[in-house]
Amino acid sequence: MLYETNLAVRYAETGIEGRLKPGMILNYFQDIASDHCAELGVSALDLLPKNLAWVVYRYHLNIYRYPLWKEDLQFKTWRYPANNLYELRQFDVHDKAENLIITAKSAWILTRLDNKKPVRLKYHMPEQLMNGHQQPVENDFTPIPERTEKDDGRSFLVRMHDLDFNRHVNNAVYVIWALESVPADIAASRLPYEISIQYQGDAVFGDRITAFTQPFPEKPESEAAYLHTIHHDGEDKPITRVITRWHPFDAFSQTP
């Protein structure tokens, strides 16, 4: 049940100083999880004729070092069914020296395409994927709080480019919106080292979205941490909540 693959960071996936862009990390995870699901017979293409789809609910990432252009990376992922509802998935990324540079866990829900309602895994997954012999993934996600401050936020229009296989905004795009909404001096001098995401709704082509950002008080004043909530314009209920914590560029080792 362990899936492993190697990838090299491409130039188009890098940003400032040739470091991998944060949003690309989630795209890597989506690609690798999809490849693993395809091997297991439960990919998006396998589920589509059954009127089913995977929907991501939570993510928590820790980034210890940002990979550089052309760097070779080893990815490991495994999945674990929890409470017959959540499909938990762990990701570990190592460099060529076998250092763990990124780790993440996620929670996915299997839903019906026609009404978006979740279904029980045991009725739709192969028996061998539900037998409990998989390596566990701890379900220790903590709730992300409501926004308390009112600000103008930053607005985005959903593009066709933002959509995924099911014609909804790709999960990485919500994080990109959150990261784009931090103060300019933070974006110019820091990178997120921890990202926690709670997905609560979705967006489609043509929607106008606003990302609101406020300082998050859990960390010492010397560190930068933010609470982001992403809304359809004019609606109070967020479709995504995100917490990001940021280190200065020089806190991340530059060389692999």
C-alpha atoms as a PDB file:
ATOM      1  CA  MET A   1       0.000   0.000   0.000  1.00  0.00           C
ATOM      2  CA  LEU A   2       3.066   2.275  -0.023  1.00  0.00           C
ATOM      3  CA  TYR A   3       3.496   4.182  -3.271  1.00  0.00           C
ATOM      4  CA  GLU A   4       6.878   5.677  -4.198  1.00  0.00           C
ATOM      5  CA  THR A   5       8.005   7.772  -7.132  1.00  0.00           C
ATOM      6  CA  ASN A   6      10.781  10.197  -8.072  1.00  0.00           C
ATOM      7  CA  LEU A   7      10.400  13.613  -9.688  1.00  0.00           C
ATOM      8  CA  ALA A   8      12.734  16.429 -10.674  1.00  0.00           C
ATOM      9  CA  VAL A   9      11.705  20.029 -10.024  1.00  0.00           C
ATOM     10  CA  ARG A  10      11.023  21.806 -13.324  1.00  0.00           C
ATOM     11  CA  TYR A  11      11.825  25.444 -14.020  1.00  0.00           C
ATOM     12  CA  ALA A  12       8.164  26.409 -14.539  1.00  0.00           C
ATOM     13  CA  GLU A  13       7.396  25.106 -11.042  1.00  0.00           C
ATOM     14  CA  THR A  14       9.863  27.434  -9.312  1.00  0.00           C
ATOM     15  CA  GLY A  15       9.635  31.024  -8.163  1.00  0.00           C
ATOM     16  CA  ILE A  16      11.901  33.386  -6.236  1.00  0.00           C
ATOM     17  CA  GLU A  17      15.520  32.187  -6.047  1.00  0.00           C
ATOM     18  CA  GLY A  18      14.620  29.033  -7.976  1.00  0.00           C
ATOM     19  CA  ARG A  19      12.672  27.518  -5.082  1.00  0.00           C
ATOM     20  CA  LEU A  20       9.633  25.325  -5.656  1.00  0.00           C
ATOM     21  CA  LYS A  21       6.443  27.383  -5.393  1.00  0.00           C
ATOM     22  CA  PRO A  22       4.289  26.465  -2.361  1.00  0.00           C
ATOM     23  CA  GLY A  23       1.196  25.828  -4.476  1.00  0.00           C
ATOM     24  CA  MET A  24       3.122  23.349  -6.615  1.00  0.00           C
ATOM     25  CA  ILE A  25       3.666  21.148  -3.563  1.00  0.00           C
ATOM     26  CA  LEU A  26      -0.074  20.491  -3.416  1.00  0.00           C
ATOM     27  CA  ASN A  27      -0.129  19.848  -7.162  1.00  0.00           C
ATOM     28  CA  TYR A  28       2.626  17.257  -6.717  1.00  0.00           C
ATOM     29  CA  PHE A  29       0.635  15.587  -3.954  1.00  0.00           C
ATOM     30  CA  GLN A  30      -2.502  15.517  -6.089  1.00  0.00           C
ATOM     31  CA  ASP A  31      -0.633  13.943  -9.002  1.00  0.00           C
ATOM     32  CA  ILE A  32       1.006  11.297  -6.850  1.00  0.00           C
ATOM     33  CA  ALA A  33      -2.180  10.457  -4.947  1.00  0.00           C
ATOM     34  CA  SER A  34      -3.986  10.127  -8.283  1.00  0.00           C
ATOM     35  CA  ASP A  35      -1.317   7.776  -9.634  1.00  0.00           C
ATOM     36  CA  HIS A  36      -1.561   5.667  -6.491  1.00  0.00           C
ATOM     37  CA  CYS A  37      -5.375   5.604  -6.662  1.00  0.00           C
ATOM     38  CA  ALA A  38      -5.147   4.519 -10.302  1.00  0.00           C
ATOM     39  CA  GLU A  39      -3.012   1.540  -9.278  1.00  0.00           C
ATOM     40  CA  LEU A  40      -5.633   0.667  -6.655  1.00  0.00           C
ATOM     41  CA  GLY A  41      -8.554   1.071  -9.085  1.00  0.00           C
ATOM     42  CA  VAL A  42     -10.161   4.045  -7.300  1.00  0.00           C
ATOM     43  CA  SER A  43      -8.941   7.038  -9.323  1.00  0.00           C
ATOM     44  CA  ALA A  44     -11.172   9.885 -10.522  1.00  0.00           C
ATOM     45  CA  LEU A  45     -11.564   8.105 -13.876  1.00  0.00           C
ATOM     46  CA  ASP A  46     -12.517   4.852 -12.145  1.00  0.00           C
ATOM     47  CA  LEU A  47     -15.098   6.587  -9.946  1.00  0.00           C
ATOM     48  CA  LEU A  48     -16.705   8.839 -12.576  1.00  0.00           C
ATOM     49  CA  PRO A  49     -18.941   6.093 -14.121  1.00  0.00           C
ATOM     50  CA  LYS A  50     -20.128   5.293 -10.574  1.00  0.00           C
ATOM     51  CA  ASN A  51     -21.227   8.890  -9.960  1.00  0.00           C
ATOM     52  CA  LEU A  52     -18.526   9.256  -7.291  1.00  0.00           C
ATOM     53  CA  ALA A  53     -15.606  11.610  -6.674  1.00  0.00           C
ATOM     54  CA  TRP A  54     -12.910  12.237  -4.087  1.00  0.00           C
ATOM     55  CA  VAL A  55     -13.185  15.595  -2.302  1.00  0.00           C
ATOM     56  CA  VAL A  56     -10.360  16.846  -0.097  1.00  0.00           C
ATOM     57  CA  TYR A  57     -11.418  18.061   3.348  1.00  0.00           C
ATOM     58  CA  ARG A  58      -8.189  18.781   5.266  1.00  0.00           C
ATOM     59  CA  TYR A  59      -4.476  19.285   4.629  1.00  0.00           C
ATOM     60  CA  HIS A  60      -1.594  19.967   6.972  1.00  0.00           C
ATOM     61  CA  LEU A  61       1.874  20.612   5.547  1.00  0.00           C
ATOM     62  CA  ASN A  62       5.263  21.118   7.171  1.00  0.00           C
ATOM     63  CA  ILE A  63       7.989  22.438   4.858  1.00  0.00           C
ATOM     64  CA  TYR A  64      11.505  22.139   6.270  1.00  0.00           C
ATOM     65  CA  ARG A  65      13.299  23.107   3.070  1.00  0.00           C
ATOM     66  CA  TYR A  66      12.116  24.280  -0.337  1.00  0.00           C
ATOM     67  CA  PRO A  67      13.497  22.172  -3.207  1.00  0.00           C
ATOM     68  CA  LEU A  68      15.360  23.921  -6.008  1.00  0.00           C
ATOM     69  CA  TRP A  69      15.179  23.809  -9.794  1.00  0.00           C
ATOM     70  CA  LYS A  70      16.364  20.454 -11.228  1.00  0.00           C
ATOM     71  CA  GLU A  71      16.535  18.881  -7.768  1.00  0.00           C
ATOM     72  CA  ASP A  72      15.622  15.197  -7.660  1.00  0.00           C
ATOM     73  CA  LEU A  73      12.976  14.328  -5.086  1.00  0.00           C
ATOM     74  CA  GLN A  74      11.631  11.055  -3.743  1.00  0.00           C
ATOM     75  CA  PHE A  75       7.930  10.949  -2.820  1.00  0.00           C
ATOM     76  CA  LYS A  76       6.270   8.388  -0.587  1.00  0.00           C
ATOM     77  CA  THR A  77       2.542   8.215   0.074  1.00  0.00           C
ATOM     78  CA  TRP A  78       0.116   5.827   1.703  1.00  0.00           C
ATOM     79  CA  ARG A  79      -3.575   5.861   2.499  1.00  0.00           C
ATOM     80  CA  TYR A  80      -5.594   4.739   5.493  1.00  0.00           C
ATOM     81  CA  PRO A  81      -9.401   4.484   5.882  1.00  0.00           C
ATOM     82  CA  ALA A  82     -10.724   6.088   9.096  1.00  0.00           C
ATOM     83  CA  ASN A  83     -14.195   5.658  10.611  1.00  0.00           C
ATOM     84  CA  ASN A  84     -15.513   4.364   7.274  1.00  0.00           C
ATOM     85  CA  LEU A  85     -15.767   7.963   6.069  1.00  0.00           C
ATOM     86  CA  TYR A  86     -12.356   9.617   5.782  1.00  0.00           C
ATOM     87  CA  GLU A  87      -9.592   8.445   3.501  1.00  0.00           C
ATOM     88  CA  LEU A  88      -6.460   9.698   5.268  1.00  0.00           C
ATOM     89  CA  ARG A  89      -3.309  10.057   3.188  1.00  0.00           C
ATOM     90  CA  GLN A  90       0.270  10.762   4.270  1.00  0.00           C
ATOM     91  CA  PHE A  91       2.981  12.286   2.057  1.00  0.00           C
ATOM     92  CA  ASP A  92       6.729  12.355   2.750  1.00  0.00           C
ATOM     93  CA  VAL A  93       9.254  14.064   0.462  1.00  0.00           C
ATOM     94  CA  HIS A  94      12.979  13.282   0.704  1.00  0.00           C
ATOM     95  CA  ASP A  95      15.939  14.770  -1.123  1.00  0.00           C
ATOM     96  CA  LYS A  96      18.711  12.729  -2.739  1.00  0.00           C
ATOM     97  CA  ALA A  97      20.541  12.594   0.620  1.00  0.00           C
ATOM     98  CA  GLU A  98      17.398  11.020   2.110  1.00  0.00           C
ATOM     99  CA  ASN A  99      16.637  14.079   4.246  1.00  0.00           C
ATOM    100  CA  LEU A 100      12.935  14.576   4.963  1.00  0.00           C
ATOM    101  CA  ILE A 101      12.242  18.050   3.550  1.00  0.00           C
ATOM    102  CA  ILE A 102       8.422  18.124   3.338  1.00  0.00           C
ATOM    103  CA  THR A 103       5.753  16.131   5.132  1.00  0.00           C
ATOM    104  CA  ALA A 104       1.984  16.383   4.913  1.00  0.00           C
ATOM    105  CA  LYS A 105      -1.225  14.598   5.736  1.00  0.00           C
ATOM    106  CA  SER A 106      -4.645  14.971   4.191  1.00  0.00           C
ATOM    107  CA  ALA A 107      -8.214  13.790   4.661  1.00  0.00           C
ATOM    108  CA  TRP A 108     -10.494  12.946   1.734  1.00  0.00           C
ATOM    109  CA  ILE A 109     -14.207  12.168   1.526  1.00  0.00           C
ATOM    110  CA  LEU A 110     -15.897  10.056  -1.124  1.00  0.00           C
ATOM    111  CA  THR A 111     -18.978  11.910  -2.417  1.00  0.00           C
ATOM    112  CA  ARG A 112     -21.763  11.478  -4.951  1.00  0.00           C
ATOM    113  CA  LEU A 113     -21.362  13.745  -7.954  1.00  0.00           C
ATOM    114  CA  ASP A 114     -25.068  14.465  -8.358  1.00  0.00           C
ATOM    115  CA  ASN A 115     -25.796  15.755  -4.847  1.00  0.00           C
ATOM    116  CA  LYS A 116     -22.306  16.203  -3.301  1.00  0.00           C
ATOM    117  CA  LYS A 117     -23.287  14.059  -0.304  1.00  0.00           C
ATOM    118  CA  PRO A 118     -20.626  11.858   1.329  1.00  0.00           C
ATOM    119  CA  VAL A 119     -20.929   8.092   1.185  1.00  0.00           C
ATOM    120  CA  ARG A 120     -19.560   5.308   3.375  1.00  0.00           C
ATOM    121  CA  LEU A 121     -16.298   3.929   2.065  1.00  0.00           C
ATOM    122  CA  LYS A 122     -17.095   0.251   2.681  1.00  0.00           C
ATOM    123  CA  TYR A 123     -19.935   0.287   0.143  1.00  0.00           C
ATOM    124  CA  HIS A 124     -17.796   1.652  -2.690  1.00  0.00           C
ATOM    125  CA  MET A 125     -14.180   0.614  -2.053  1.00  0.00           C
ATOM    126  CA  PRO A 126     -12.566  -2.749  -2.821  1.00  0.00           C
ATOM    127  CA  GLU A 127     -12.555  -4.988   0.255  1.00  0.00           C
ATOM    128  CA  GLN A 128      -8.757  -5.208   0.334  1.00  0.00           C
ATOM    129  CA  LEU A 129      -8.574  -1.429   0.800  1.00  0.00           C
ATOM    130  CA  MET A 130     -10.747  -1.585   3.917  1.00  0.00           C
ATOM    131  CA  ASN A 131      -9.184  -4.518   5.775  1.00  0.00           C
ATOM    132  CA  GLY A 132      -7.216  -2.435   8.317  1.00  0.00           C
ATOM    133  CA  HIS A 133      -3.769  -3.795   7.414  1.00  0.00           C
ATOM    134  CA  GLN A 134      -2.549  -0.477   6.028  1.00  0.00           C
ATOM    135  CA  GLN A 135       0.021   1.679   7.779  1.00  0.00           C
ATOM    136  CA  PRO A 136      -1.982   4.105   9.983  1.00  0.00           C
ATOM    137  CA  VAL A 137      -2.228   7.852   9.457  1.00  0.00           C
ATOM    138  CA  GLU A 138      -3.139   9.758  12.604  1.00  0.00           C
ATOM    139  CA  ASN A 139      -6.365  11.741  12.351  1.00  0.00           C
ATOM    140  CA  ASP A 140      -5.255  14.657  14.550  1.00  0.00           C
ATOM    141  CA  PHE A 141      -6.423  17.637  12.507  1.00  0.00           C
ATOM    142  CA  THR A 142      -7.565  20.567  14.659  1.00  0.00           C
ATOM    143  CA  PRO A 143     -10.388  22.953  13.698  1.00  0.00           C
ATOM    144  CA  ILE A 144      -9.442  26.273  12.125  1.00  0.00           C
ATOM    145  CA  PRO A 145     -11.197  29.211  13.850  1.00  0.00           C
ATOM    146  CA  GLU A 146     -13.494  31.845  12.408  1.00  0.00           C
ATOM    147  CA  ARG A 147     -12.167  35.189  11.229  1.00  0.00           C
ATOM    148  CA  THR A 148     -12.648  37.934  13.815  1.00  0.00           C
ATOM    149  CA  GLU A 149     -11.311  41.000  12.012  1.00  0.00           C
ATOM    150  CA  LYS A 150     -13.041  42.801   9.164  1.00  0.00           C
ATOM    151  CA  ASP A 151     -10.906  43.978   6.270  1.00  0.00           C
ATOM    152  CA  ASP A 152     -11.255  44.657   2.568  1.00  0.00           C
ATOM    153  CA  GLY A 153      -9.677  41.388   1.484  1.00  0.00           C
ATOM    154  CA  ARG A 154      -8.330  40.581  -1.969  1.00  0.00           C
ATOM    155  CA  SER A 155     -10.642  39.459  -4.755  1.00  0.00           C
ATOM    156  CA  PHE A 156     -10.082  36.913  -7.527  1.00  0.00           C
ATOM    157  CA  LEU A 157     -12.143  35.798 -10.518  1.00  0.00           C
ATOM    158  CA  VAL A 158     -12.222  32.021 -11.079  1.00  0.00           C
ATOM    159  CA  ARG A 159     -10.642  31.159 -14.441  1.00  0.00           C
ATOM    160  CA  MET A 160     -11.025  28.036 -16.557  1.00  0.00           C
ATOM    161  CA  HIS A 161      -7.348  27.418 -15.759  1.00  0.00           C
ATOM    162  CA  ASP A 162      -8.268  27.065 -12.055  1.00  0.00           C
ATOM    163  CA  LEU A 163     -10.626  24.110 -12.596  1.00  0.00           C
ATOM    164  CA  ASP A 164      -9.959  20.434 -11.977  1.00  0.00           C
ATOM    165  CA  PHE A 165     -11.245  17.163 -13.453  1.00  0.00           C
ATOM    166  CA  ASN A 166     -14.707  17.711 -11.917  1.00  0.00           C
ATOM    167  CA  ARG A 167     -15.002  21.354 -13.127  1.00  0.00           C
ATOM    168  CA  HIS A 168     -14.455  22.786  -9.641  1.00  0.00           C
ATOM    169  CA  VAL A 169     -11.559  24.938  -8.481  1.00  0.00           C
ATOM    170  CA  ASN A 170      -8.479  22.784  -7.874  1.00  0.00           C
ATOM    171  CA  ASN A 171      -7.574  22.453  -4.187  1.00  0.00           C
ATOM    172  CA  ALA A 172      -4.161  24.102  -4.643  1.00  0.00           C
ATOM    173  CA  VAL A 173      -5.757  27.293  -6.007  1.00  0.00           C
ATOM    174  CA  TYR A 174      -7.424  28.118  -2.676  1.00  0.00           C
ATOM    175  CA  VAL A 175      -4.014  28.061  -1.016  1.00  0.00           C
ATOM    176  CA  ILE A 176      -2.554  30.274  -3.741  1.00  0.00           C
ATOM    177  CA  TRP A 177      -5.344  32.796  -3.090  1.00  0.00           C
ATOM    178  CA  ALA A 178      -4.556  32.722   0.629  1.00  0.00           C
ATOM    179  CA  LEU A 179      -0.820  33.194   0.067  1.00  0.00           C
ATOM    180  CA  GLU A 180      -1.444  36.070  -2.348  1.00  0.00           C
ATOM    181  CA  SER A 181      -3.426  37.920   0.315  1.00  0.00           C
ATOM    182  CA  VAL A 182      -0.641  38.347   2.905  1.00  0.00           C
ATOM    183  CA  PRO A 183       0.989  41.780   3.354  1.00  0.00           C
ATOM    184  CA  ALA A 184       3.420  42.655   0.544  1.00  0.00           C
ATOM    185  CA  ASP A 185       6.447  42.847   2.854  1.00  0.00           C
ATOM    186  CA  ILE A 186       5.787  39.292   4.074  1.00  0.00           C
ATOM    187  CA  ALA A 187       5.375  37.884   0.556  1.00  0.00           C
ATOM    188  CA  ALA A 188       8.615  39.615  -0.517  1.00  0.00           C
ATOM    189  CA  SER A 189      10.765  38.315   2.344  1.00  0.00           C
ATOM    190  CA  ARG A 190       9.280  35.077   3.692  1.00  0.00           C
ATOM    191  CA  LEU A 191       7.958  31.658   2.719  1.00  0.00           C
ATOM    192  CA  PRO A 192       5.373  29.538   4.536  1.00  0.00           C
ATOM    193  CA  TYR A 193       6.808  26.691   6.574  1.00  0.00           C
ATOM    194  CA  GLU A 194       3.480  25.381   7.866  1.00  0.00           C
ATOM    195  CA  ILE A 195       0.107  25.390   6.105  1.00  0.00           C
ATOM    196  CA  SER A 196      -3.131  24.032   7.544  1.00  0.00           C
ATOM    197  CA  ILE A 197      -6.230  23.934   5.316  1.00  0.00           C
ATOM    198  CA  GLN A 198      -9.891  23.190   5.960  1.00  0.00           C
ATOM    199  CA  TYR A 199     -12.076  22.970   2.843  1.00  0.00           C
ATOM    200  CA  GLN A 200     -15.775  23.663   3.409  1.00  0.00           C
ATOM    201  CA  GLY A 201     -17.203  24.462  -0.026  1.00  0.00           C
ATOM    202  CA  ASP A 202     -16.221  24.958  -3.638  1.00  0.00           C
ATOM    203  CA  ALA A 203     -16.102  27.458  -6.463  1.00  0.00           C
ATOM    204  CA  VAL A 204     -16.641  27.170 -10.211  1.00  0.00           C
ATOM    205  CA  PHE A 205     -15.800  29.102 -13.361  1.00  0.00           C
ATOM    206  CA  GLY A 206     -16.867  32.747 -13.248  1.00  0.00           C
ATOM    207  CA  ASP A 207     -17.278  32.975  -9.464  1.00  0.00           C
ATOM    208  CA  ARG A 208     -15.772  36.020  -7.754  1.00  0.00           C
ATOM    209  CA  ILE A 209     -13.849  35.067  -4.635  1.00  0.00           C
ATOM    210  CA  THR A 210     -12.413  37.184  -1.818  1.00  0.00           C
ATOM    211  CA  ALA A 211      -9.588  36.086   0.493  1.00  0.00           C
ATOM    212  CA  PHE A 212      -9.549  37.789   3.898  1.00  0.00           C
ATOM    213  CA  THR A 213      -6.375  37.670   5.991  1.00  0.00           C
ATOM    214  CA  GLN A 214      -5.666  38.638   9.593  1.00  0.00           C
ATOM    215  CA  PRO A 215      -2.695  38.054  11.932  1.00  0.00           C
ATOM    216  CA  PHE A 216      -2.940  34.770  13.811  1.00  0.00           C
ATOM    217  CA  PRO A 217      -1.985  35.247  17.465  1.00  0.00           C
ATOM    218  CA  GLU A 218      -0.691  31.793  18.367  1.00  0.00           C
ATOM    219  CA  LYS A 219       2.919  32.515  17.438  1.00  0.00           C
ATOM    220  CA  PRO A 220       5.386  34.959  19.075  1.00  0.00           C
ATOM    221  CA  GLU A 221       5.279  38.501  17.768  1.00  0.00           C
ATOM    222  CA  SER A 222       8.607  38.007  15.985  1.00  0.00           C
ATOM    223  CA  GLU A 223       7.073  35.330  13.745  1.00  0.00           C
ATOM    224  CA  ALA A 224       4.524  35.832  10.991  1.00  0.00           C
ATOM    225  CA  ALA A 225       1.325  33.782  11.136  1.00  0.00           C
ATOM    226  CA  TYR A 226      -2.011  34.442   9.436  1.00  0.00           C
ATOM    227  CA  LEU A 227      -5.574  33.205   9.431  1.00  0.00           C
ATOM    228  CA  HIS A 228      -7.176  33.289   5.985  1.00  0.00           C
ATOM    229  CA  THR A 229     -10.820  32.749   5.087  1.00  0.00           C
ATOM    230  CA  ILE A 230     -11.948  32.496   1.482  1.00  0.00           C
ATOM    231  CA  HIS A 231     -15.497  33.470   0.574  1.00  0.00           C
ATOM    232  CA  HIS A 232     -17.813  33.861  -2.366  1.00  0.00           C
ATOM    233  CA  ASP A 233     -18.281  37.622  -2.719  1.00  0.00           C
ATOM    234  CA  GLY A 234     -21.025  38.886  -0.448  1.00  0.00           C
ATOM    235  CA  GLU A 235     -21.303  35.664   1.593  1.00  0.00           C
ATOM    236  CA  ASP A 236     -20.287  35.335   5.246  1.00  0.00           C
ATOM    237  CA  LYS A 237     -19.714  31.588   5.319  1.00  0.00           C
ATOM    238  CA  PRO A 238     -16.202  30.703   4.103  1.00  0.00           C
ATOM    239  CA  ILE A 239     -15.561  27.989   1.551  1.00  0.00           C
ATOM    240  CA  THR A 240     -11.990  27.490   2.826  1.00  0.00           C
ATOM    241  CA  ARG A 241     -10.048  28.349   5.970  1.00  0.00           C
ATOM    242  CA  VAL A 242      -6.257  28.401   6.039  1.00  0.00           C
ATOM    243  CA  ILE A 243      -3.559  29.065   8.632  1.00  0.00           C
ATOM    244  CA  THR A 244      -0.083  29.908   7.349  1.00  0.00           C
ATOM    245  CA  ARG A 245       3.146  30.386   9.314  1.00  0.00           C
ATOM    246  CA  TRP A 246       6.134  32.051   7.674  1.00  0.00           C
ATOM    247  CA  HIS A 247       9.937  32.013   8.005  1.00  0.00           C
ATOM    248  CA  PRO A 248      12.382  34.466   6.364  1.00  0.00           C
ATOM    249  CA  PHE A 249      13.970  33.203   3.149  1.00  0.00           C
ATOM    250  CA  ASP A 250      17.323  32.617   4.843  1.00  0.00           C
ATOM    251  CA  ALA A 251      15.749  30.278   7.417  1.00  0.00           C
ATOM    252  CA  PHE A 252      15.414  27.671   4.661  1.00  0.00           C
ATOM    253  CA  SER A 253      18.661  26.052   3.540  1.00  0.00           C
ATOM    254  CA  GLN A 254      19.405  27.089  -0.046  1.00  0.00           C
ATOM    255  CA  THR A 255      21.422  24.040  -1.080  1.00  0.00           C
ATOM    256  CA  PRO A 256      20.158  20.462  -1.303  1.00  0.00           C
END
